[in-house]
N, C-alpha and C. Protein backbone atom coordinates (compact mmCIF):
# COMPACT_ATOMS: atom_id res chain seq x y z
N UNK A 1 -9.80 27.78 170.05
CA UNK A 1 -8.97 28.14 170.31
C UNK A 1 -7.65 27.84 170.04
N UNK A 2 -6.43 28.12 170.13
CA UNK A 2 -5.31 27.86 169.46
C UNK A 2 -4.54 27.72 170.80
N UNK A 3 -3.69 26.45 170.89
CA UNK A 3 -2.99 26.53 172.00
C UNK A 3 -1.55 26.70 171.53
N UNK A 4 -1.01 26.86 172.44
CA UNK A 4 0.88 27.05 171.99
C UNK A 4 1.67 25.98 172.82
N UNK A 5 2.64 25.92 172.35
CA UNK A 5 3.81 25.31 173.14
C UNK A 5 4.96 25.82 173.01
N UNK A 6 6.00 26.07 173.84
CA UNK A 6 7.05 26.59 174.16
C UNK A 6 8.34 25.16 173.50
N UNK A 7 8.91 25.58 172.66
CA UNK A 7 10.11 24.26 172.64
C UNK A 7 11.45 24.91 172.68
N UNK A 8 12.17 24.45 173.79
CA UNK A 8 13.34 24.86 174.17
C UNK A 8 14.13 24.10 173.17
N UNK A 9 15.11 24.88 172.31
CA UNK A 9 16.48 24.48 171.72
C UNK A 9 17.67 24.76 172.27
N UNK A 10 18.34 23.61 173.00
CA UNK A 10 19.33 23.71 173.55
C UNK A 10 20.47 23.25 172.71
N UNK A 11 21.59 23.90 172.82
CA UNK A 11 22.54 23.34 172.23
C UNK A 11 23.78 23.68 173.01
N UNK A 12 25.00 22.73 172.88
CA UNK A 12 26.35 23.06 173.73
C UNK A 12 27.04 23.59 173.02
N UNK A 13 27.01 24.15 171.92
CA UNK A 13 27.88 25.23 171.18
C UNK A 13 27.21 26.02 170.20
N UNK A 14 27.77 27.17 170.00
CA UNK A 14 27.09 27.76 168.75
C UNK A 14 27.06 27.35 167.28
N UNK A 15 27.50 26.35 167.20
CA UNK A 15 27.68 25.50 165.77
C UNK A 15 26.52 24.32 165.63
N UNK A 16 25.95 23.98 166.71
CA UNK A 16 25.03 23.12 166.85
C UNK A 16 23.75 23.35 166.11
N UNK A 17 23.11 22.55 165.32
CA UNK A 17 21.85 22.37 164.53
C UNK A 17 21.00 22.32 165.46
N UNK A 18 19.60 23.20 165.16
CA UNK A 18 17.99 22.93 166.01
C UNK A 18 17.99 21.57 165.47
N UNK A 19 17.11 21.12 166.40
CA UNK A 19 16.37 19.95 166.13
C UNK A 19 15.17 20.03 165.53
N UNK A 20 15.13 19.96 164.30
CA UNK A 20 14.17 20.13 163.37
C UNK A 20 13.01 18.93 163.47
N UNK A 21 13.41 18.18 164.02
CA UNK A 21 12.21 17.14 164.11
C UNK A 21 11.36 17.40 165.37
N UNK A 22 11.82 17.86 166.55
CA UNK A 22 11.13 18.27 167.62
C UNK A 22 10.22 19.48 166.93
N UNK A 23 10.78 20.39 166.11
CA UNK A 23 10.06 21.36 165.82
C UNK A 23 8.73 20.87 164.70
N UNK A 24 9.06 20.10 164.29
CA UNK A 24 7.92 19.42 163.25
C UNK A 24 6.81 19.13 164.12
N UNK A 25 7.23 18.29 164.97
CA UNK A 25 6.46 17.40 165.80
C UNK A 25 5.72 18.45 166.69
N UNK A 26 6.18 19.69 167.01
CA UNK A 26 5.80 20.75 168.20
C UNK A 26 4.66 21.24 167.69
N UNK A 27 5.08 21.56 166.15
CA UNK A 27 4.08 22.91 165.63
C UNK A 27 2.60 22.57 165.43
N UNK A 28 1.67 23.43 165.98
CA UNK A 28 0.34 23.29 165.77
C UNK A 28 -0.50 23.41 164.53
N UNK A 29 0.57 23.57 163.36
CA UNK A 29 -0.29 23.54 162.08
C UNK A 29 0.19 22.12 161.80
N UNK A 30 -0.88 21.56 160.78
CA UNK A 30 -0.90 19.96 160.34
C UNK A 30 0.24 20.15 159.11
N UNK A 31 1.64 19.17 159.14
CA UNK A 31 2.27 18.84 158.01
C UNK A 31 2.15 17.61 157.57
N UNK A 32 2.78 17.09 156.59
CA UNK A 32 3.29 16.11 156.21
C UNK A 32 4.22 16.37 155.33
N UNK A 33 5.13 15.17 154.95
CA UNK A 33 6.21 15.24 154.13
C UNK A 33 6.10 14.15 153.06
N UNK A 34 6.10 14.59 151.85
CA UNK A 34 6.04 13.52 150.60
C UNK A 34 7.13 13.18 150.03
N UNK A 35 7.19 11.88 149.80
CA UNK A 35 8.53 11.62 149.07
C UNK A 35 8.06 11.98 147.38
N UNK A 36 9.14 12.70 146.96
CA UNK A 36 8.75 12.74 145.45
C UNK A 36 9.01 11.86 144.50
N UNK A 37 8.19 10.64 144.75
CA UNK A 37 7.99 9.31 143.71
C UNK A 37 6.70 9.82 142.85
N UNK A 38 6.47 8.41 142.32
CA UNK A 38 5.34 8.25 141.39
C UNK A 38 3.87 7.99 142.16
N UNK A 39 4.07 7.68 143.43
CA UNK A 39 2.99 7.69 144.20
C UNK A 39 2.79 8.56 145.23
N UNK A 40 3.82 9.80 145.65
CA UNK A 40 3.86 10.71 146.56
C UNK A 40 3.75 9.74 147.81
N UNK A 41 4.66 8.98 148.04
CA UNK A 41 4.60 8.29 149.36
C UNK A 41 4.88 9.35 150.72
N UNK A 42 4.04 9.11 151.56
CA UNK A 42 4.08 9.70 152.72
C UNK A 42 5.33 9.15 153.66
N UNK A 43 6.10 10.14 154.09
CA UNK A 43 7.19 9.70 154.89
C UNK A 43 7.25 10.09 156.33
N UNK A 44 6.42 11.27 156.37
CA UNK A 44 6.46 11.65 157.85
C UNK A 44 5.22 12.64 158.10
N UNK A 45 4.72 12.58 159.12
CA UNK A 45 3.20 13.52 159.42
C UNK A 45 3.42 13.81 161.14
N UNK A 46 2.79 14.97 161.36
CA UNK A 46 3.35 15.69 162.73
C UNK A 46 1.73 15.41 163.65
N UNK A 47 1.70 15.31 164.87
CA UNK A 47 0.82 14.93 165.42
C UNK A 47 -0.64 15.75 165.34
N UNK A 48 -0.09 16.92 164.72
CA UNK A 48 -1.53 17.87 164.42
C UNK A 48 -1.91 17.67 163.00
N UNK A 49 -1.29 17.25 162.27
CA UNK A 49 -1.96 16.45 160.75
C UNK A 49 -2.46 15.06 161.43
N UNK A 50 -2.03 14.37 162.11
CA UNK A 50 -3.10 12.98 162.58
C UNK A 50 -4.33 13.68 163.18
N UNK A 51 -4.34 14.47 163.90
CA UNK A 51 -5.46 15.06 164.66
C UNK A 51 -6.49 15.68 163.39
N UNK A 52 -5.72 16.57 162.58
CA UNK A 52 -7.06 16.98 161.88
C UNK A 52 -7.42 16.10 160.77
N UNK A 53 -6.91 15.02 160.42
CA UNK A 53 -7.22 13.65 159.36
C UNK A 53 -7.80 12.54 160.21
N UNK A 54 -7.63 12.37 161.42
CA UNK A 54 -8.28 11.49 161.91
C UNK A 54 -7.81 10.04 161.74
N UNK A 55 -6.28 10.26 161.46
CA UNK A 55 -5.91 9.39 161.10
C UNK A 55 -4.70 8.64 162.16
N UNK A 56 -3.85 7.50 161.82
CA UNK A 56 -2.86 6.89 162.69
C UNK A 56 -1.54 7.20 162.00
N UNK A 57 -0.63 7.47 162.53
CA UNK A 57 0.84 7.11 161.96
C UNK A 57 1.28 5.89 161.28
N UNK A 58 0.89 4.91 162.08
CA UNK A 58 1.32 3.43 161.18
C UNK A 58 0.48 3.12 160.26
N UNK A 59 -0.67 4.03 160.16
CA UNK A 59 -1.46 3.73 158.96
C UNK A 59 -1.30 4.20 157.66
N UNK A 60 -0.67 5.15 157.86
CA UNK A 60 -0.77 6.12 156.87
C UNK A 60 1.07 6.25 156.28
N UNK A 61 1.99 6.60 157.08
CA UNK A 61 3.03 6.57 156.78
C UNK A 61 3.95 5.27 156.00
N UNK A 62 4.47 5.64 154.86
CA UNK A 62 4.89 4.48 153.90
C UNK A 62 4.39 4.16 153.04
N UNK A 63 2.78 4.97 152.77
CA UNK A 63 1.63 4.76 151.72
C UNK A 63 1.83 5.63 150.70
N UNK A 64 1.30 5.61 149.66
CA UNK A 64 0.89 6.67 148.85
C UNK A 64 -0.35 7.68 149.27
N UNK A 65 0.07 9.01 148.91
CA UNK A 65 -1.15 9.98 149.34
C UNK A 65 -2.40 9.49 148.86
N UNK A 66 -2.21 9.05 147.71
CA UNK A 66 -3.65 9.01 146.97
C UNK A 66 -4.26 7.47 147.27
N UNK A 67 -3.51 6.62 147.94
CA UNK A 67 -3.85 5.30 148.27
C UNK A 67 -4.60 5.53 150.11
N UNK A 68 -3.89 6.33 150.60
CA UNK A 68 -4.62 6.92 152.33
C UNK A 68 -5.97 7.55 151.74
N UNK A 69 -5.63 8.51 150.71
CA UNK A 69 -6.87 9.65 150.65
C UNK A 69 -7.17 9.60 149.17
N UNK A 70 -7.92 8.50 148.62
CA UNK A 70 -8.34 8.21 147.40
C UNK A 70 -9.07 9.43 146.85
N UNK A 71 -8.52 9.67 145.61
CA UNK A 71 -8.97 10.89 144.72
C UNK A 71 -10.26 10.72 144.16
N UNK A 72 -11.53 11.22 144.50
CA UNK A 72 -12.75 11.00 144.07
C UNK A 72 -13.15 12.27 143.98
N UNK A 73 -12.83 13.54 144.43
CA UNK A 73 -13.19 14.58 144.08
C UNK A 73 -13.78 15.14 142.49
N UNK A 74 -12.98 14.47 141.73
CA UNK A 74 -13.24 14.89 140.06
C UNK A 74 -14.54 14.05 139.63
N UNK A 75 -14.98 12.95 140.24
CA UNK A 75 -15.77 12.06 140.16
C UNK A 75 -17.24 12.91 140.60
N UNK A 76 -17.29 13.37 141.61
CA UNK A 76 -18.22 13.80 142.41
C UNK A 76 -18.05 15.45 141.84
N UNK A 77 -16.93 16.03 141.36
CA UNK A 77 -17.54 17.38 140.73
C UNK A 77 -18.10 17.36 139.72
N UNK A 78 -18.16 15.91 138.80
CA UNK A 78 -18.91 15.88 137.24
C UNK A 78 -20.22 16.01 137.60
N UNK A 79 -20.65 15.41 138.76
CA UNK A 79 -21.83 14.99 138.87
C UNK A 79 -22.68 15.95 139.17
N UNK A 80 -21.98 17.30 139.73
CA UNK A 80 -22.97 18.66 140.60
C UNK A 80 -22.97 19.37 139.23
N UNK A 81 -24.29 19.83 139.29
CA UNK A 81 -24.71 20.39 138.22
C UNK A 81 -25.04 22.11 138.79
N UNK A 82 -24.54 23.28 138.04
CA UNK A 82 -24.65 24.31 138.32
C UNK A 82 -25.83 24.99 137.72
């Protein structure tokens, strides 16, 4: 069952920008933000991502995506026979 959250974005003037950090954190969909470098460094994750991957923010932010989640899928794929 999906739960929903309502986020109120208040602004003091019509020119104010929405709080994208609050939206990012509150969305029920798991998201992460990667730096476009050679390691694809994880720079941000939301709570939904941490729950889905059973990780902790301190353990993954600042590390490369393949360091956190080593890519061994190609090795297991080669072992399978169809």
